[in-house]
Amino acid sequence: MSRWHPRVPLGDGSHDLYIRQDAYHGQFAADVSPAKAALSAVTQRPVRDAALAEGSGAPAWRTIPSWFVLAGADKNIPIAGQRLMAERAGSRHTVEVDTASHSVAVSHPDVVSDLIDKAATTK
């Protein structure tokens, strides 16, 4: 069974995609409490299918300094892909949280905020 709900058609011919609420905890927020994951599941914002296929233009990471928190247990972006993105962007500092899900900012806010502080004070 797919983790995605059926596509919700939009007037322009594209579709909104949602993660099934019963799959959300395991797919996106496995290291978050069931209550927080359930709240996230019912309040999630959809992604348009067009956004998953269209070009994004010039990548900002080529001109804007980058810092990364890598989520080692992310089921959406494999850790090798995260590492590749951080390396390609020339990450100034990378922190890896081995047990973090895609919801690393929720499950490890201290790690994320510490890195934001570091980025904000780096010249």
PDB file of N, CA and C in Angstrom:
ATOM      1  N   MET A   1       0.840  -1.182   0.000  1.00  0.00           N
ATOM      2  CA  MET A   1       0.000   0.000   0.000  1.00  0.00           C
ATOM      3  C   MET A   1       0.884   1.243   0.000  1.00  0.00           C
ATOM      4  N   SER A   2       0.561   2.197  -0.832  1.00  0.00           N
ATOM      5  CA  SER A   2       1.328   3.423  -0.947  1.00  0.00           C
ATOM      6  C   SER A   2       1.186   4.271   0.304  1.00  0.00           C
ATOM      7  N   ARG A   3       2.228   5.010   0.615  1.00  0.00           N
ATOM      8  CA  ARG A   3       2.141   5.931   1.750  1.00  0.00           C
ATOM      9  C   ARG A   3       1.363   7.187   1.363  1.00  0.00           C
ATOM     10  N   TRP A   4       1.166   7.408   0.056  1.00  0.00           N
ATOM     11  CA  TRP A   4       0.459   8.592  -0.427  1.00  0.00           C
ATOM     12  C   TRP A   4      -1.035   8.348  -0.471  1.00  0.00           C
ATOM     13  N   HIS A   5      -1.807   9.356  -0.124  1.00  0.00           N
ATOM     14  CA  HIS A   5      -3.252   9.349  -0.362  1.00  0.00           C
ATOM     15  C   HIS A   5      -3.469   9.413  -1.857  1.00  0.00           C
ATOM     16  N   PRO A   6      -4.654   9.069  -2.311  1.00  0.00           N
ATOM     17  CA  PRO A   6      -4.952   9.310  -3.720  1.00  0.00           C
ATOM     18  C   PRO A   6      -4.725  10.784  -4.051  1.00  0.00           C
ATOM     19  N   ARG A   7      -4.381  11.033  -5.274  1.00  0.00           N
ATOM     20  CA  ARG A   7      -4.129  12.404  -5.706  1.00  0.00           C
ATOM     21  C   ARG A   7      -5.417  13.228  -5.622  1.00  0.00           C
ATOM     22  N   VAL A   8      -5.303  14.453  -5.181  1.00  0.00           N
ATOM     23  CA  VAL A   8      -6.442  15.357  -5.109  1.00  0.00           C
ATOM     24  C   VAL A   8      -6.317  16.316  -6.287  1.00  0.00           C
ATOM     25  N   PRO A   9      -7.224  16.213  -7.271  1.00  0.00           N
ATOM     26  CA  PRO A   9      -7.090  17.044  -8.468  1.00  0.00           C
ATOM     27  C   PRO A   9      -7.314  18.522  -8.179  1.00  0.00           C
ATOM     28  N   LEU A  10      -6.523  19.353  -8.854  1.00  0.00           N
ATOM     29  CA  LEU A  10      -6.646  20.802  -8.764  1.00  0.00           C
ATOM     30  C   LEU A  10      -7.136  21.337 -10.110  1.00  0.00           C
ATOM     31  N   GLY A  11      -7.623  22.525 -10.127  1.00  0.00           N
ATOM     32  CA  GLY A  11      -8.215  23.112 -11.322  1.00  0.00           C
ATOM     33  C   GLY A  11      -7.274  23.278 -12.492  1.00  0.00           C
ATOM     34  N   ASP A  12      -5.965  23.340 -12.223  1.00  0.00           N
ATOM     35  CA  ASP A  12      -5.008  23.540 -13.316  1.00  0.00           C
ATOM     36  C   ASP A  12      -4.492  22.231 -13.907  1.00  0.00           C
ATOM     37  N   GLY A  13      -5.053  21.112 -13.463  1.00  0.00           N
ATOM     38  CA  GLY A  13      -4.632  19.817 -13.980  1.00  0.00           C
ATOM     39  C   GLY A  13      -3.569  19.132 -13.139  1.00  0.00           C
ATOM     40  N   SER A  14      -2.993  19.850 -12.176  1.00  0.00           N
ATOM     41  CA  SER A  14      -2.025  19.224 -11.278  1.00  0.00           C
ATOM     42  C   SER A  14      -2.800  18.596 -10.109  1.00  0.00           C
ATOM     43  N   HIS A  15      -2.060  18.009  -9.186  1.00  0.00           N
ATOM     44  CA  HIS A  15      -2.686  17.323  -8.046  1.00  0.00           C
ATOM     45  C   HIS A  15      -1.940  17.652  -6.767  1.00  0.00           C
ATOM     46  N   ASP A  16      -2.674  17.717  -5.673  1.00  0.00           N
ATOM     47  CA  ASP A  16      -2.069  17.777  -4.349  1.00  0.00           C
ATOM     48  C   ASP A  16      -1.818  16.351  -3.880  1.00  0.00           C
ATOM     49  N   LEU A  17      -0.692  16.150  -3.208  1.00  0.00           N
ATOM     50  CA  LEU A  17      -0.349  14.857  -2.643  1.00  0.00           C
ATOM     51  C   LEU A  17      -0.182  15.015  -1.136  1.00  0.00           C
ATOM     52  N   TYR A  18      -0.705  14.070  -0.400  1.00  0.00           N
ATOM     53  CA  TYR A  18      -0.606  14.041   1.057  1.00  0.00           C
ATOM     54  C   TYR A  18      -0.039  12.693   1.467  1.00  0.00           C
ATOM     55  N   ILE A  19       0.573  12.656   2.616  1.00  0.00           N
ATOM     56  CA  ILE A  19       0.962  11.375   3.203  1.00  0.00           C
ATOM     57  C   ILE A  19      -0.246  10.844   3.974  1.00  0.00           C
ATOM     58  N   ARG A  20      -0.567   9.594   3.798  1.00  0.00           N
ATOM     59  CA  ARG A  20      -1.676   8.998   4.551  1.00  0.00           C
ATOM     60  C   ARG A  20      -1.433   9.217   6.044  1.00  0.00           C
ATOM     61  N   GLN A  21      -2.460   9.606   6.743  1.00  0.00           N
ATOM     62  CA  GLN A  21      -2.303   9.877   8.172  1.00  0.00           C
ATOM     63  C   GLN A  21      -1.809   8.664   8.945  1.00  0.00           C
ATOM     64  N   ASP A  22      -2.242   7.463   8.563  1.00  0.00           N
ATOM     65  CA  ASP A  22      -1.814   6.268   9.285  1.00  0.00           C
ATOM     66  C   ASP A  22      -0.369   5.877   8.969  1.00  0.00           C
ATOM     67  N   ALA A  23       0.213   6.448   7.927  1.00  0.00           N
ATOM     68  CA  ALA A  23       1.604   6.162   7.556  1.00  0.00           C
ATOM     69  C   ALA A  23       2.553   7.275   7.966  1.00  0.00           C
ATOM     70  N   TYR A  24       2.016   8.410   8.365  1.00  0.00           N
ATOM     71  CA  TYR A  24       2.824   9.607   8.612  1.00  0.00           C
ATOM     72  C   TYR A  24       3.887   9.396   9.693  1.00  0.00           C
ATOM     73  N   HIS A  25       3.485   8.836  10.823  1.00  0.00           N
ATOM     74  CA  HIS A  25       4.428   8.667  11.942  1.00  0.00           C
ATOM     75  C   HIS A  25       5.650   7.862  11.500  1.00  0.00           C
ATOM     76  N   GLY A  26       5.444   6.720  10.909  1.00  0.00           N
ATOM     77  CA  GLY A  26       6.558   5.878  10.497  1.00  0.00           C
ATOM     78  C   GLY A  26       7.364   6.451   9.349  1.00  0.00           C
ATOM     79  N   GLN A  27       6.719   7.165   8.449  1.00  0.00           N
ATOM     80  CA  GLN A  27       7.396   7.669   7.250  1.00  0.00           C
ATOM     81  C   GLN A  27       8.144   8.973   7.494  1.00  0.00           C
ATOM     82  N   PHE A  28       7.546   9.890   8.228  1.00  0.00           N
ATOM     83  CA  PHE A  28       8.114  11.227   8.369  1.00  0.00           C
ATOM     84  C   PHE A  28       8.591  11.588   9.763  1.00  0.00           C
ATOM     85  N   ALA A  29       8.075  10.906  10.762  1.00  0.00           N
ATOM     86  CA  ALA A  29       8.329  11.384  12.119  1.00  0.00           C
ATOM     87  C   ALA A  29       8.503  10.243  13.113  1.00  0.00           C
ATOM     88  N   ALA A  30       9.258   9.241  12.737  1.00  0.00           N
ATOM     89  CA  ALA A  30       9.384   8.035  13.566  1.00  0.00           C
ATOM     90  C   ALA A  30      10.003   8.312  14.935  1.00  0.00           C
ATOM     91  N   ASP A  31      10.790   9.368  15.060  1.00  0.00           N
ATOM     92  CA  ASP A  31      11.433   9.676  16.336  1.00  0.00           C
ATOM     93  C   ASP A  31      10.730  10.802  17.091  1.00  0.00           C
ATOM     94  N   VAL A  32       9.489  11.080  16.703  1.00  0.00           N
ATOM     95  CA  VAL A  32       8.664  12.090  17.352  1.00  0.00           C
ATOM     96  C   VAL A  32       7.570  11.350  18.117  1.00  0.00           C
ATOM     97  N   SER A  33       7.082  11.932  19.184  1.00  0.00           N
ATOM     98  CA  SER A  33       6.026  11.266  19.955  1.00  0.00           C
ATOM     99  C   SER A  33       4.815  11.001  19.064  1.00  0.00           C
ATOM    100  N   PRO A  34       4.095   9.935  19.348  1.00  0.00           N
ATOM    101  CA  PRO A  34       2.884   9.648  18.557  1.00  0.00           C
ATOM    102  C   PRO A  34       1.899  10.820  18.530  1.00  0.00           C
ATOM    103  N   ALA A  35       1.769  11.538  19.633  1.00  0.00           N
ATOM    104  CA  ALA A  35       0.836  12.669  19.676  1.00  0.00           C
ATOM    105  C   ALA A  35       1.273  13.795  18.739  1.00  0.00           C
ATOM    106  N   LYS A  36       2.560  14.132  18.764  1.00  0.00           N
ATOM    107  CA  LYS A  36       3.054  15.180  17.862  1.00  0.00           C
ATOM    108  C   LYS A  36       2.969  14.736  16.406  1.00  0.00           C
ATOM    109  N   ALA A  37       3.286  13.493  16.154  1.00  0.00           N
ATOM    110  CA  ALA A  37       3.203  12.976  14.786  1.00  0.00           C
ATOM    111  C   ALA A  37       1.764  12.991  14.288  1.00  0.00           C
ATOM    112  N   ALA A  38       0.815  12.637  15.152  1.00  0.00           N
ATOM    113  CA  ALA A  38      -0.596  12.643  14.768  1.00  0.00           C
ATOM    114  C   ALA A  38      -1.060  14.061  14.443  1.00  0.00           C
ATOM    115  N   LEU A  39      -0.625  15.033  15.232  1.00  0.00           N
ATOM    116  CA  LEU A  39      -0.975  16.428  14.960  1.00  0.00           C
ATOM    117  C   LEU A  39      -0.377  16.869  13.621  1.00  0.00           C
ATOM    118  N   SER A  40       0.872  16.514  13.387  1.00  0.00           N
ATOM    119  CA  SER A  40       1.507  16.848  12.113  1.00  0.00           C
ATOM    120  C   SER A  40       0.787  16.182  10.947  1.00  0.00           C
ATOM    121  N   ALA A  41       0.350  14.954  11.144  1.00  0.00           N
ATOM    122  CA  ALA A  41      -0.329  14.224  10.078  1.00  0.00           C
ATOM    123  C   ALA A  41      -1.625  14.903   9.662  1.00  0.00           C
ATOM    124  N   VAL A  42      -2.387  15.399  10.632  1.00  0.00           N
ATOM    125  CA  VAL A  42      -3.675  16.016  10.293  1.00  0.00           C
ATOM    126  C   VAL A  42      -3.540  17.466   9.850  1.00  0.00           C
ATOM    127  N   THR A  43      -2.393  18.093  10.100  1.00  0.00           N
ATOM    128  CA  THR A  43      -2.195  19.490   9.703  1.00  0.00           C
ATOM    129  C   THR A  43      -1.174  19.640   8.585  1.00  0.00           C
ATOM    130  N   GLN A  44      -0.730  18.537   8.020  1.00  0.00           N
ATOM    131  CA  GLN A  44       0.302  18.595   6.972  1.00  0.00           C
ATOM    132  C   GLN A  44      -0.160  19.417   5.781  1.00  0.00           C
ATOM    133  N   ARG A  45       0.788  20.080   5.163  1.00  0.00           N
ATOM    134  CA  ARG A  45       0.535  20.812   3.919  1.00  0.00           C
ATOM    135  C   ARG A  45       0.800  19.859   2.763  1.00  0.00           C
ATOM    136  N   PRO A  46      -0.013  19.915   1.743  1.00  0.00           N
ATOM    137  CA  PRO A  46       0.217  19.031   0.601  1.00  0.00           C
ATOM    138  C   PRO A  46       1.413  19.491  -0.223  1.00  0.00           C
ATOM    139  N   VAL A  47       1.890  18.608  -1.062  1.00  0.00           N
ATOM    140  CA  VAL A  47       2.878  18.968  -2.069  1.00  0.00           C
ATOM    141  C   VAL A  47       2.199  18.766  -3.421  1.00  0.00           C
ATOM    142  N   ARG A  48       2.358  19.716  -4.307  1.00  0.00           N
ATOM    143  CA  ARG A  48       1.797  19.553  -5.647  1.00  0.00           C
ATOM    144  C   ARG A  48       2.696  18.633  -6.445  1.00  0.00           C
ATOM    145  N   ASP A  49       2.099  17.740  -7.195  1.00  0.00           N
ATOM    146  CA  ASP A  49       2.898  16.824  -8.002  1.00  0.00           C
ATOM    147  C   ASP A  49       3.805  17.582  -8.967  1.00  0.00           C
ATOM    148  N   ALA A  50       3.361  18.731  -9.443  1.00  0.00           N
ATOM    149  CA  ALA A  50       4.173  19.538 -10.358  1.00  0.00           C
ATOM    150  C   ALA A  50       5.472  19.988  -9.680  1.00  0.00           C
ATOM    151  N   ALA A  51       5.415  20.249  -8.383  1.00  0.00           N
ATOM    152  CA  ALA A  51       6.606  20.696  -7.657  1.00  0.00           C
ATOM    153  C   ALA A  51       7.669  19.612  -7.591  1.00  0.00           C
ATOM    154  N   LEU A  52       7.261  18.361  -7.705  1.00  0.00           N
ATOM    155  CA  LEU A  52       8.214  17.257  -7.643  1.00  0.00           C
ATOM    156  C   LEU A  52       8.887  17.008  -8.988  1.00  0.00           C
ATOM    157  N   ALA A  53       8.407  17.674 -10.038  1.00  0.00           N
ATOM    158  CA  ALA A  53       8.939  17.408 -11.373  1.00  0.00           C
ATOM    159  C   ALA A  53       9.512  18.637 -12.073  1.00  0.00           C
ATOM    160  N   GLU A  54       9.179  19.830 -11.615  1.00  0.00           N
ATOM    161  CA  GLU A  54       9.624  21.018 -12.331  1.00  0.00           C
ATOM    162  C   GLU A  54      11.019  21.453 -11.890  1.00  0.00           C
ATOM    163  N   GLY A  55      11.693  22.185 -12.763  1.00  0.00           N
ATOM    164  CA  GLY A  55      13.008  22.727 -12.442  1.00  0.00           C
ATOM    165  C   GLY A  55      12.897  23.833 -11.417  1.00  0.00           C
ATOM    166  N   SER A  56      13.968  24.068 -10.717  1.00  0.00           N
ATOM    167  CA  SER A  56      13.931  25.073  -9.657  1.00  0.00           C
ATOM    168  C   SER A  56      14.695  26.346 -10.001  1.00  0.00           C
ATOM    169  N   GLY A  57      15.324  26.386 -11.152  1.00  0.00           N
ATOM    170  CA  GLY A  57      16.128  27.547 -11.484  1.00  0.00           C
ATOM    171  C   GLY A  57      17.536  27.402 -10.925  1.00  0.00           C
ATOM    172  N   ALA A  58      18.240  28.515 -10.885  1.00  0.00           N
ATOM    173  CA  ALA A  58      19.623  28.510 -10.399  1.00  0.00           C
ATOM    174  C   ALA A  58      19.656  28.110  -8.924  1.00  0.00           C
ATOM    175  N   PRO A  59      20.506  27.158  -8.553  1.00  0.00           N
ATOM    176  CA  PRO A  59      20.555  26.723  -7.156  1.00  0.00           C
ATOM    177  C   PRO A  59      21.169  27.791  -6.246  1.00  0.00           C
ATOM    178  N   ALA A  60      20.455  28.113  -5.186  1.00  0.00           N
ATOM    179  CA  ALA A  60      20.918  29.128  -4.243  1.00  0.00           C
ATOM    180  C   ALA A  60      22.209  28.716  -3.550  1.00  0.00           C
ATOM    181  N   TRP A  61      22.426  27.407  -3.370  1.00  0.00           N
ATOM    182  CA  TRP A  61      23.607  26.953  -2.643  1.00  0.00           C
ATOM    183  C   TRP A  61      24.905  27.296  -3.360  1.00  0.00           C
ATOM    184  N   ARG A  62      24.824  27.688  -4.611  1.00  0.00           N
ATOM    185  CA  ARG A  62      26.056  28.088  -5.317  1.00  0.00           C
ATOM    186  C   ARG A  62      26.560  29.448  -4.862  1.00  0.00           C
ATOM    187  N   THR A  63      25.674  30.291  -4.348  1.00  0.00           N
ATOM    188  CA  THR A  63      26.066  31.649  -3.966  1.00  0.00           C
ATOM    189  C   THR A  63      25.789  31.983  -2.504  1.00  0.00           C
ATOM    190  N   ILE A  64      24.986  31.185  -1.830  1.00  0.00           N
ATOM    191  CA  ILE A  64      24.636  31.458  -0.434  1.00  0.00           C
ATOM    192  C   ILE A  64      25.279  30.388   0.451  1.00  0.00           C
ATOM    193  N   PRO A  65      26.002  30.783   1.501  1.00  0.00           N
ATOM    194  CA  PRO A  65      26.614  29.790   2.391  1.00  0.00           C
ATOM    195  C   PRO A  65      25.566  28.843   2.977  1.00  0.00           C
ATOM    196  N   SER A  66      25.962  27.584   3.173  1.00  0.00           N
ATOM    197  CA  SER A  66      25.047  26.548   3.645  1.00  0.00           C
ATOM    198  C   SER A  66      25.584  25.837   4.876  1.00  0.00           C
ATOM    199  N   TRP A  67      24.671  25.418   5.734  1.00  0.00           N
ATOM    200  CA  TRP A  67      24.931  24.596   6.899  1.00  0.00           C
ATOM    201  C   TRP A  67      23.907  23.472   6.855  1.00  0.00           C
ATOM    202  N   PHE A  68      24.250  22.296   7.332  1.00  0.00           N
ATOM    203  CA  PHE A  68      23.351  21.147   7.208  1.00  0.00           C
ATOM    204  C   PHE A  68      23.209  20.375   8.508  1.00  0.00           C
ATOM    205  N   VAL A  69      21.976  19.936   8.786  1.00  0.00           N
ATOM    206  CA  VAL A  69      21.702  18.916   9.789  1.00  0.00           C
ATOM    207  C   VAL A  69      21.214  17.712   8.994  1.00  0.00           C
ATOM    208  N   LEU A  70      21.940  16.613   9.082  1.00  0.00           N
ATOM    209  CA  LEU A  70      21.589  15.401   8.354  1.00  0.00           C
ATOM    210  C   LEU A  70      20.834  14.451   9.277  1.00  0.00           C
ATOM    211  N   ALA A  71      19.771  13.876   8.738  1.00  0.00           N
ATOM    212  CA  ALA A  71      18.919  12.975   9.505  1.00  0.00           C
ATOM    213  C   ALA A  71      19.217  11.537   9.096  1.00  0.00           C
ATOM    214  N   GLY A  72      19.927  10.826   9.935  1.00  0.00           N
ATOM    215  CA  GLY A  72      20.405   9.489   9.608  1.00  0.00           C
ATOM    216  C   GLY A  72      19.335   8.433   9.427  1.00  0.00           C
ATOM    217  N   ALA A  73      18.148   8.642   9.987  1.00  0.00           N
ATOM    218  CA  ALA A  73      17.077   7.654   9.858  1.00  0.00           C
ATOM    219  C   ALA A  73      15.917   8.179   9.003  1.00  0.00           C
ATOM    220  N   ASP A  74      16.216   9.154   8.165  1.00  0.00           N
ATOM    221  CA  ASP A  74      15.207   9.734   7.269  1.00  0.00           C
ATOM    222  C   ASP A  74      14.785   8.700   6.235  1.00  0.00           C
ATOM    223  N   LYS A  75      13.491   8.450   6.112  1.00  0.00           N
ATOM    224  CA  LYS A  75      12.981   7.474   5.141  1.00  0.00           C
ATOM    225  C   LYS A  75      12.582   8.142   3.827  1.00  0.00           C
ATOM    226  N   ASN A  76      12.805   9.453   3.718  1.00  0.00           N
ATOM    227  CA  ASN A  76      12.420  10.183   2.518  1.00  0.00           C
ATOM    228  C   ASN A  76      13.625  10.598   1.682  1.00  0.00           C
ATOM    229  N   ILE A  77      14.683  11.006   2.339  1.00  0.00           N
ATOM    230  CA  ILE A  77      15.924  11.368   1.647  1.00  0.00           C
ATOM    231  C   ILE A  77      17.025  10.507   2.247  1.00  0.00           C
ATOM    232  N   PRO A  78      17.554   9.552   1.492  1.00  0.00           N
ATOM    233  CA  PRO A  78      18.604   8.675   2.036  1.00  0.00           C
ATOM    234  C   PRO A  78      19.805   9.485   2.528  1.00  0.00           C
ATOM    235  N   ILE A  79      20.449   8.982   3.565  1.00  0.00           N
ATOM    236  CA  ILE A  79      21.583   9.696   4.166  1.00  0.00           C
ATOM    237  C   ILE A  79      22.685   9.959   3.145  1.00  0.00           C
ATOM    238  N   ALA A  80      22.901   9.036   2.218  1.00  0.00           N
ATOM    239  CA  ALA A  80      23.923   9.268   1.187  1.00  0.00           C
ATOM    240  C   ALA A  80      23.550  10.475   0.334  1.00  0.00           C
ATOM    241  N   GLY A  81      22.281  10.644   0.039  1.00  0.00           N
ATOM    242  CA  GLY A  81      21.821  11.803  -0.728  1.00  0.00           C
ATOM    243  C   GLY A  81      21.976  13.089   0.060  1.00  0.00           C
ATOM    244  N   GLN A  82      21.689  13.030   1.354  1.00  0.00           N
ATOM    245  CA  GLN A  82      21.868  14.210   2.200  1.00  0.00           C
ATOM    246  C   GLN A  82      23.336  14.616   2.256  1.00  0.00           C
ATOM    247  N   ARG A  83      24.198  13.629   2.415  1.00  0.00           N
ATOM    248  CA  ARG A  83      25.638  13.924   2.462  1.00  0.00           C
ATOM    249  C   ARG A  83      26.109  14.534   1.142  1.00  0.00           C
ATOM    250  N   LEU A  84      25.636  13.978   0.042  1.00  0.00           N
ATOM    251  CA  LEU A  84      25.990  14.503  -1.278  1.00  0.00           C
ATOM    252  C   LEU A  84      25.561  15.962  -1.416  1.00  0.00           C
ATOM    253  N   MET A  85      24.344  16.270  -0.990  1.00  0.00           N
ATOM    254  CA  MET A  85      23.855  17.647  -1.077  1.00  0.00           C
ATOM    255  C   MET A  85      24.689  18.591  -0.219  1.00  0.00           C
ATOM    256  N   ALA A  86      25.027  18.172   0.979  1.00  0.00           N
ATOM    257  CA  ALA A  86      25.835  19.008   1.872  1.00  0.00           C
ATOM    258  C   ALA A  86      27.218  19.253   1.281  1.00  0.00           C
ATOM    259  N   GLU A  87      27.814  18.193   0.762  1.00  0.00           N
ATOM    260  CA  GLU A  87      29.147  18.322   0.163  1.00  0.00           C
ATOM    261  C   GLU A  87      29.104  19.209  -1.076  1.00  0.00           C
ATOM    262  N   ARG A  88      28.133  18.975  -1.936  1.00  0.00           N
ATOM    263  CA  ARG A  88      28.008  19.749  -3.175  1.00  0.00           C
ATOM    264  C   ARG A  88      27.788  21.229  -2.872  1.00  0.00           C
ATOM    265  N   ALA A  89      27.050  21.527  -1.817  1.00  0.00           N
ATOM    266  CA  ALA A  89      26.769  22.910  -1.452  1.00  0.00           C
ATOM    267  C   ALA A  89      27.927  23.562  -0.710  1.00  0.00           C
ATOM    268  N   GLY A  90      28.974  22.789  -0.405  1.00  0.00           N
ATOM    269  CA  GLY A  90      30.101  23.341   0.341  1.00  0.00           C
ATOM    270  C   GLY A  90      29.719  23.698   1.764  1.00  0.00           C
ATOM    271  N   SER A  91      28.983  22.825   2.407  1.00  0.00           N
ATOM    272  CA  SER A  91      28.506  23.082   3.760  1.00  0.00           C
ATOM    273  C   SER A  91      29.622  23.610   4.650  1.00  0.00           C
ATOM    274  N   ARG A  92      29.352  24.708   5.313  1.00  0.00           N
ATOM    275  CA  ARG A  92      30.332  25.279   6.231  1.00  0.00           C
ATOM    276  C   ARG A  92      30.443  24.457   7.506  1.00  0.00           C
ATOM    277  N   HIS A  93      29.336  23.820   7.879  1.00  0.00           N
ATOM    278  CA  HIS A  93      29.334  22.938   9.052  1.00  0.00           C
ATOM    279  C   HIS A  93      28.179  21.967   8.898  1.00  0.00           C
ATOM    280  N   THR A  94      28.446  20.706   9.110  1.00  0.00           N
ATOM    281  CA  THR A  94      27.431  19.673   8.982  1.00  0.00           C
ATOM    282  C   THR A  94      27.356  18.875  10.268  1.00  0.00           C
ATOM    283  N   VAL A  95      26.139  18.686  10.757  1.00  0.00           N
ATOM    284  CA  VAL A  95      25.890  17.882  11.948  1.00  0.00           C
ATOM    285  C   VAL A  95      25.027  16.712  11.513  1.00  0.00           C
ATOM    286  N   GLU A  96      25.402  15.507  11.908  1.00  0.00           N
ATOM    287  CA  GLU A  96      24.617  14.333  11.570  1.00  0.00           C
ATOM    288  C   GLU A  96      24.014  13.747  12.842  1.00  0.00           C
ATOM    289  N   VAL A  97      22.706  13.533  12.804  1.00  0.00           N
ATOM    290  CA  VAL A  97      21.991  12.921  13.921  1.00  0.00           C
ATOM    291  C   VAL A  97      21.557  11.543  13.426  1.00  0.00           C
ATOM    292  N   ASP A  98      22.273  10.519  13.842  1.00  0.00           N
ATOM    293  CA  ASP A  98      22.066   9.159  13.322  1.00  0.00           C
ATOM    294  C   ASP A  98      20.638   8.653  13.444  1.00  0.00           C
ATOM    295  N   THR A  99      19.957   9.008  14.525  1.00  0.00           N
ATOM    296  CA  THR A  99      18.631   8.459  14.797  1.00  0.00           C
ATOM    297  C   THR A  99      17.490   9.361  14.347  1.00  0.00           C
ATOM    298  N   ALA A 100      17.798  10.471  13.699  1.00  0.00           N
ATOM    299  CA  ALA A 100      16.760  11.451  13.359  1.00  0.00           C
ATOM    300  C   ALA A 100      15.975  11.061  12.110  1.00  0.00           C
ATOM    301  N   SER A 101      14.676  11.320  12.183  1.00  0.00           N
ATOM    302  CA  SER A 101      13.786  11.117  11.042  1.00  0.00           C
ATOM    303  C   SER A 101      13.772  12.392  10.186  1.00  0.00           C
ATOM    304  N   HIS A 102      12.904  12.403   9.195  1.00  0.00           N
ATOM    305  CA  HIS A 102      12.733  13.581   8.345  1.00  0.00           C
ATOM    306  C   HIS A 102      12.310  14.790   9.184  1.00  0.00           C
ATOM    307  N   SER A 103      11.708  14.549  10.322  1.00  0.00           N
ATOM    308  CA  SER A 103      11.242  15.615  11.212  1.00  0.00           C
ATOM    309  C   SER A 103      12.303  15.999  12.238  1.00  0.00           C
ATOM    310  N   VAL A 104      13.542  16.078  11.810  1.00  0.00           N
ATOM    311  CA  VAL A 104      14.662  16.351  12.711  1.00  0.00           C
ATOM    312  C   VAL A 104      14.491  17.664  13.469  1.00  0.00           C
ATOM    313  N   ALA A 105      13.874  18.657  12.879  1.00  0.00           N
ATOM    314  CA  ALA A 105      13.690  19.938  13.569  1.00  0.00           C
ATOM    315  C   ALA A 105      12.721  19.812  14.746  1.00  0.00           C
ATOM    316  N   VAL A 106      11.824  18.833  14.679  1.00  0.00           N
ATOM    317  CA  VAL A 106      10.880  18.594  15.773  1.00  0.00           C
ATOM    318  C   VAL A 106      11.511  17.698  16.834  1.00  0.00           C
ATOM    319  N   SER A 107      12.195  16.651  16.385  1.00  0.00           N
ATOM    320  CA  SER A 107      12.740  15.681  17.333  1.00  0.00           C
ATOM    321  C   SER A 107      14.053  16.121  17.978  1.00  0.00           C
ATOM    322  N   HIS A 108      14.787  16.997  17.308  1.00  0.00           N
ATOM    323  CA  HIS A 108      16.083  17.464  17.830  1.00  0.00           C
ATOM    324  C   HIS A 108      16.202  18.974  17.663  1.00  0.00           C
ATOM    325  N   PRO A 109      15.279  19.736  18.260  1.00  0.00           N
ATOM    326  CA  PRO A 109      15.305  21.190  18.060  1.00  0.00           C
ATOM    327  C   PRO A 109      16.576  21.846  18.572  1.00  0.00           C
ATOM    328  N   ASP A 110      17.179  21.273  19.611  1.00  0.00           N
ATOM    329  CA  ASP A 110      18.416  21.837  20.155  1.00  0.00           C
ATOM    330  C   ASP A 110      19.546  21.764  19.133  1.00  0.00           C
ATOM    331  N   VAL A 111      19.664  20.665  18.421  1.00  0.00           N
ATOM    332  CA  VAL A 111      20.704  20.504  17.407  1.00  0.00           C
ATOM    333  C   VAL A 111      20.490  21.509  16.278  1.00  0.00           C
ATOM    334  N   VAL A 112      19.243  21.620  15.839  1.00  0.00           N
ATOM    335  CA  VAL A 112      18.919  22.536  14.748  1.00  0.00           C
ATOM    336  C   VAL A 112      19.146  23.990  15.172  1.00  0.00           C
ATOM    337  N   SER A 113      18.667  24.365  16.341  1.00  0.00           N
ATOM    338  CA  SER A 113      18.836  25.759  16.781  1.00  0.00           C
ATOM    339  C   SER A 113      20.300  26.092  17.049  1.00  0.00           C
ATOM    340  N   ASP A 114      21.068  25.135  17.551  1.00  0.00           N
ATOM    341  CA  ASP A 114      22.503  25.375  17.750  1.00  0.00           C
ATOM    342  C   ASP A 114      23.193  25.650  16.416  1.00  0.00           C
ATOM    343  N   LEU A 115      22.834  24.911  15.392  1.00  0.00           N
ATOM    344  CA  LEU A 115      23.444  25.132  14.083  1.00  0.00           C
ATOM    345  C   LEU A 115      22.999  26.465  13.483  1.00  0.00           C
ATOM    346  N   ILE A 116      21.746  26.839  13.695  1.00  0.00           N
ATOM    347  CA  ILE A 116      21.272  28.151  13.229  1.00  0.00           C
ATOM    348  C   ILE A 116      22.048  29.265  13.929  1.00  0.00           C
ATOM    349  N   ASP A 117      22.245  29.128  15.242  1.00  0.00           N
ATOM    350  CA  ASP A 117      23.036  30.113  15.990  1.00  0.00           C
ATOM    351  C   ASP A 117      24.444  30.197  15.432  1.00  0.00           C
ATOM    352  N   LYS A 118      25.044  29.054  15.153  1.00  0.00           N
ATOM    353  CA  LYS A 118      26.402  29.014  14.608  1.00  0.00           C
ATOM    354  C   LYS A 118      26.437  29.714  13.244  1.00  0.00           C
ATOM    355  N   ALA A 119      25.456  29.436  12.410  1.00  0.00           N
ATOM    356  CA  ALA A 119      25.401  30.059  11.086  1.00  0.00           C
ATOM    357  C   ALA A 119      25.215  31.564  11.196  1.00  0.00           C
ATOM    358  N   ALA A 120      24.389  31.996  12.143  1.00  0.00           N
ATOM    359  CA  ALA A 120      24.094  33.423  12.296  1.00  0.00           C
ATOM    360  C   ALA A 120      25.300  34.203  12.808  1.00  0.00           C
ATOM    361  N   THR A 121      26.202  33.533  13.511  1.00  0.00           N
ATOM    362  CA  THR A 121      27.363  34.240  14.071  1.00  0.00           C
ATOM    363  C   THR A 121      28.635  34.003  13.278  1.00  0.00           C
ATOM    364  N   THR A 122      28.553  33.270  12.182  1.00  0.00           N
ATOM    365  CA  THR A 122      29.716  33.010  11.344  1.00  0.00           C
ATOM    366  C   THR A 122      29.847  34.122  10.311  1.00  0.00           C
ATOM    367  N   LYS A 123      31.038  34.620  10.179  1.00  0.00           N
ATOM    368  CA  LYS A 123      31.261  35.690   9.184  1.00  0.00           C
ATOM    369  C   LYS A 123      31.925  35.149   7.964  1.00  0.00           C
TER     370      LYS A 123
END
